[in-house]
Amino acid sequence: LDYLKGFWNGETVYDPISATSELSDMISRDLKKRGMSFMGTTVIHSFLQAIGVVNAHTKECFLYNVELK
């Protein structure tokens, strides 16, 4: 979590359309510099969705306002 805080301000990113983001691009570039070769921006974006940093639900979805804990 401390690693992500270096890139992320702590607020949920709402983006139901994109498969990548500026945040996932930055993290992917940094991880590649650190030697992790298979850390593309789409993989990172999916990870960020899984941990609740990116909310990919539309406003009509019942999960739109659900907070992950």
N, C-alpha and C. Protein backbone atom coordinates (compact mmCIF):
# COMPACT_ATOMS: atom_id res chain seq x y z
N LEU A 1 0.82 -1.19 0.00
CA LEU A 1 0.00 0.00 0.00
C LEU A 1 0.87 1.26 0.00
N ASP A 2 1.96 1.21 0.73
CA ASP A 2 2.86 2.38 0.73
C ASP A 2 3.39 2.67 -0.66
N TYR A 3 3.66 1.61 -1.42
CA TYR A 3 4.14 1.80 -2.79
C TYR A 3 3.10 2.55 -3.62
N LEU A 4 1.84 2.13 -3.55
CA LEU A 4 0.78 2.79 -4.32
C LEU A 4 0.57 4.23 -3.91
N LYS A 5 0.75 4.53 -2.64
CA LYS A 5 0.55 5.90 -2.15
C LYS A 5 1.50 6.88 -2.82
N GLY A 6 2.61 6.40 -3.33
CA GLY A 6 3.54 7.25 -4.05
C GLY A 6 2.98 7.74 -5.39
N PHE A 7 1.95 7.07 -5.88
CA PHE A 7 1.34 7.41 -7.17
C PHE A 7 -0.10 7.89 -7.04
N TRP A 8 -0.75 7.50 -5.95
CA TRP A 8 -2.20 7.64 -5.82
C TRP A 8 -2.53 8.51 -4.62
N ASN A 9 -3.50 9.41 -4.78
CA ASN A 9 -3.86 10.34 -3.71
C ASN A 9 -4.87 9.78 -2.70
N GLY A 10 -5.28 8.54 -2.86
CA GLY A 10 -6.19 7.92 -1.92
C GLY A 10 -7.66 7.98 -2.30
N GLU A 11 -7.98 8.70 -3.37
CA GLU A 11 -9.37 8.82 -3.81
C GLU A 11 -9.67 7.77 -4.87
N THR A 12 -10.89 7.23 -4.84
CA THR A 12 -11.32 6.25 -5.83
C THR A 12 -11.40 6.92 -7.20
N VAL A 13 -10.89 6.24 -8.21
CA VAL A 13 -10.94 6.72 -9.58
C VAL A 13 -12.15 6.06 -10.24
N TYR A 14 -13.11 6.84 -10.74
CA TYR A 14 -14.29 6.30 -11.42
C TYR A 14 -14.04 6.32 -12.92
N ASP A 15 -13.99 5.12 -13.51
CA ASP A 15 -13.71 5.00 -14.94
C ASP A 15 -14.30 3.69 -15.47
N PRO A 16 -15.57 3.72 -15.91
CA PRO A 16 -16.20 2.50 -16.37
C PRO A 16 -15.87 2.12 -17.82
N ILE A 17 -15.04 2.90 -18.49
CA ILE A 17 -14.82 2.68 -19.92
C ILE A 17 -13.43 2.15 -20.24
N SER A 18 -12.41 2.74 -19.68
CA SER A 18 -11.03 2.49 -20.09
C SER A 18 -10.47 1.18 -19.57
N ALA A 19 -9.51 0.65 -20.32
CA ALA A 19 -8.76 -0.54 -19.89
C ALA A 19 -7.42 -0.15 -19.30
N THR A 20 -7.10 1.16 -19.38
CA THR A 20 -5.87 1.69 -18.81
C THR A 20 -6.17 3.09 -18.26
N SER A 21 -5.21 3.64 -17.54
CA SER A 21 -5.36 4.99 -17.01
C SER A 21 -3.99 5.61 -16.85
N GLU A 22 -3.97 6.90 -16.57
CA GLU A 22 -2.68 7.55 -16.30
C GLU A 22 -2.00 6.90 -15.10
N LEU A 23 -2.79 6.55 -14.09
CA LEU A 23 -2.26 5.91 -12.90
C LEU A 23 -1.64 4.56 -13.24
N SER A 24 -2.35 3.74 -14.00
CA SER A 24 -1.80 2.42 -14.35
C SER A 24 -0.58 2.57 -15.27
N ASP A 25 -0.57 3.57 -16.11
CA ASP A 25 0.60 3.83 -16.97
C ASP A 25 1.83 4.15 -16.12
N MET A 26 1.65 5.03 -15.13
CA MET A 26 2.78 5.42 -14.28
C MET A 26 3.32 4.25 -13.48
N ILE A 27 2.42 3.48 -12.89
CA ILE A 27 2.85 2.34 -12.08
C ILE A 27 3.52 1.29 -12.95
N SER A 28 2.96 1.03 -14.12
CA SER A 28 3.55 0.06 -15.04
C SER A 28 4.97 0.46 -15.45
N ARG A 29 5.16 1.73 -15.80
CA ARG A 29 6.50 2.21 -16.18
C ARG A 29 7.48 2.02 -15.03
N ASP A 30 7.05 2.35 -13.81
CA ASP A 30 7.93 2.23 -12.65
C ASP A 30 8.30 0.76 -12.39
N LEU A 31 7.33 -0.12 -12.45
CA LEU A 31 7.61 -1.53 -12.21
C LEU A 31 8.54 -2.11 -13.28
N LYS A 32 8.38 -1.67 -14.52
CA LYS A 32 9.28 -2.13 -15.59
C LYS A 32 10.70 -1.64 -15.33
N LYS A 33 10.84 -0.42 -14.85
CA LYS A 33 12.17 0.10 -14.51
C LYS A 33 12.80 -0.73 -13.40
N ARG A 34 11.97 -1.30 -12.53
CA ARG A 34 12.45 -2.11 -11.41
C ARG A 34 12.69 -3.56 -11.80
N GLY A 35 12.49 -3.89 -13.10
CA GLY A 35 12.81 -5.22 -13.60
C GLY A 35 11.64 -6.16 -13.80
N MET A 36 10.43 -5.71 -13.57
CA MET A 36 9.26 -6.58 -13.77
C MET A 36 8.80 -6.43 -15.22
N SER A 37 9.15 -7.40 -16.04
CA SER A 37 8.93 -7.26 -17.48
C SER A 37 7.47 -7.43 -17.91
N PHE A 38 6.67 -8.22 -17.20
CA PHE A 38 5.29 -8.44 -17.62
C PHE A 38 4.34 -7.67 -16.72
N MET A 39 4.49 -6.38 -16.69
CA MET A 39 3.62 -5.52 -15.88
C MET A 39 3.09 -4.41 -16.76
N GLY A 40 2.29 -4.80 -17.74
CA GLY A 40 1.70 -3.82 -18.65
C GLY A 40 0.62 -2.99 -17.96
N THR A 41 0.27 -1.91 -18.59
CA THR A 41 -0.68 -0.98 -17.99
C THR A 41 -2.07 -1.58 -17.83
N THR A 42 -2.47 -2.49 -18.74
CA THR A 42 -3.79 -3.13 -18.61
C THR A 42 -3.82 -4.07 -17.41
N VAL A 43 -2.74 -4.81 -17.20
CA VAL A 43 -2.64 -5.70 -16.03
C VAL A 43 -2.72 -4.88 -14.74
N ILE A 44 -2.00 -3.77 -14.69
CA ILE A 44 -2.01 -2.92 -13.51
C ILE A 44 -3.39 -2.31 -13.30
N HIS A 45 -4.03 -1.87 -14.39
CA HIS A 45 -5.37 -1.28 -14.29
C HIS A 45 -6.35 -2.30 -13.71
N SER A 46 -6.26 -3.55 -14.16
CA SER A 46 -7.13 -4.61 -13.63
C SER A 46 -6.86 -4.85 -12.15
N PHE A 47 -5.61 -4.82 -11.75
CA PHE A 47 -5.25 -4.96 -10.35
C PHE A 47 -5.85 -3.82 -9.53
N LEU A 48 -5.75 -2.60 -10.05
CA LEU A 48 -6.29 -1.44 -9.35
C LEU A 48 -7.81 -1.54 -9.21
N GLN A 49 -8.48 -2.14 -10.20
CA GLN A 49 -9.92 -2.38 -10.09
C GLN A 49 -10.18 -3.41 -8.98
N ALA A 50 -9.39 -4.46 -8.96
CA ALA A 50 -9.60 -5.55 -8.00
C ALA A 50 -9.44 -5.09 -6.56
N ILE A 51 -8.56 -4.12 -6.32
CA ILE A 51 -8.33 -3.67 -4.95
C ILE A 51 -9.14 -2.43 -4.59
N GLY A 52 -9.97 -1.95 -5.52
CA GLY A 52 -10.86 -0.84 -5.22
C GLY A 52 -10.33 0.55 -5.48
N VAL A 53 -9.16 0.66 -6.07
CA VAL A 53 -8.62 1.98 -6.41
C VAL A 53 -9.39 2.55 -7.59
N VAL A 54 -9.70 1.70 -8.57
CA VAL A 54 -10.48 2.10 -9.75
C VAL A 54 -11.85 1.46 -9.66
N ASN A 55 -12.89 2.27 -9.76
CA ASN A 55 -14.26 1.78 -9.79
C ASN A 55 -14.70 1.79 -11.24
N ALA A 56 -14.93 0.60 -11.82
CA ALA A 56 -15.30 0.49 -13.22
C ALA A 56 -16.79 0.25 -13.42
N HIS A 57 -17.59 0.49 -12.40
CA HIS A 57 -19.04 0.29 -12.50
C HIS A 57 -19.71 1.57 -12.97
N THR A 58 -20.72 1.44 -13.82
CA THR A 58 -21.48 2.60 -14.27
C THR A 58 -22.40 3.06 -13.14
N LYS A 59 -22.90 4.27 -13.23
CA LYS A 59 -23.76 4.82 -12.18
C LYS A 59 -25.04 4.01 -12.01
N GLU A 60 -25.47 3.32 -13.05
CA GLU A 60 -26.69 2.53 -12.98
C GLU A 60 -26.46 1.19 -12.26
N CYS A 61 -25.23 0.79 -12.10
CA CYS A 61 -24.90 -0.50 -11.48
C CYS A 61 -25.07 -0.43 -9.96
N PHE A 62 -25.62 -1.49 -9.38
CA PHE A 62 -25.82 -1.51 -7.93
C PHE A 62 -24.50 -1.52 -7.16
N LEU A 63 -23.39 -1.83 -7.81
CA LEU A 63 -22.08 -1.84 -7.15
C LEU A 63 -21.35 -0.51 -7.26
N TYR A 64 -21.93 0.46 -7.92
CA TYR A 64 -21.27 1.75 -8.15
C TYR A 64 -20.81 2.41 -6.85
N ASN A 65 -21.66 2.41 -5.82
CA ASN A 65 -21.34 3.09 -4.56
C ASN A 65 -20.79 2.17 -3.49
N VAL A 66 -20.52 0.93 -3.80
CA VAL A 66 -20.01 -0.02 -2.82
C VAL A 66 -18.54 0.29 -2.55
N GLU A 67 -18.20 0.45 -1.29
CA GLU A 67 -16.81 0.69 -0.88
C GLU A 67 -16.16 -0.63 -0.50
N LEU A 68 -15.01 -0.92 -1.05
CA LEU A 68 -14.26 -2.12 -0.65
C LEU A 68 -13.54 -1.84 0.65
N LYS A 69 -13.49 -2.84 1.52
CA LYS A 69 -12.81 -2.65 2.80
C LYS A 69 -11.80 -3.74 2.98
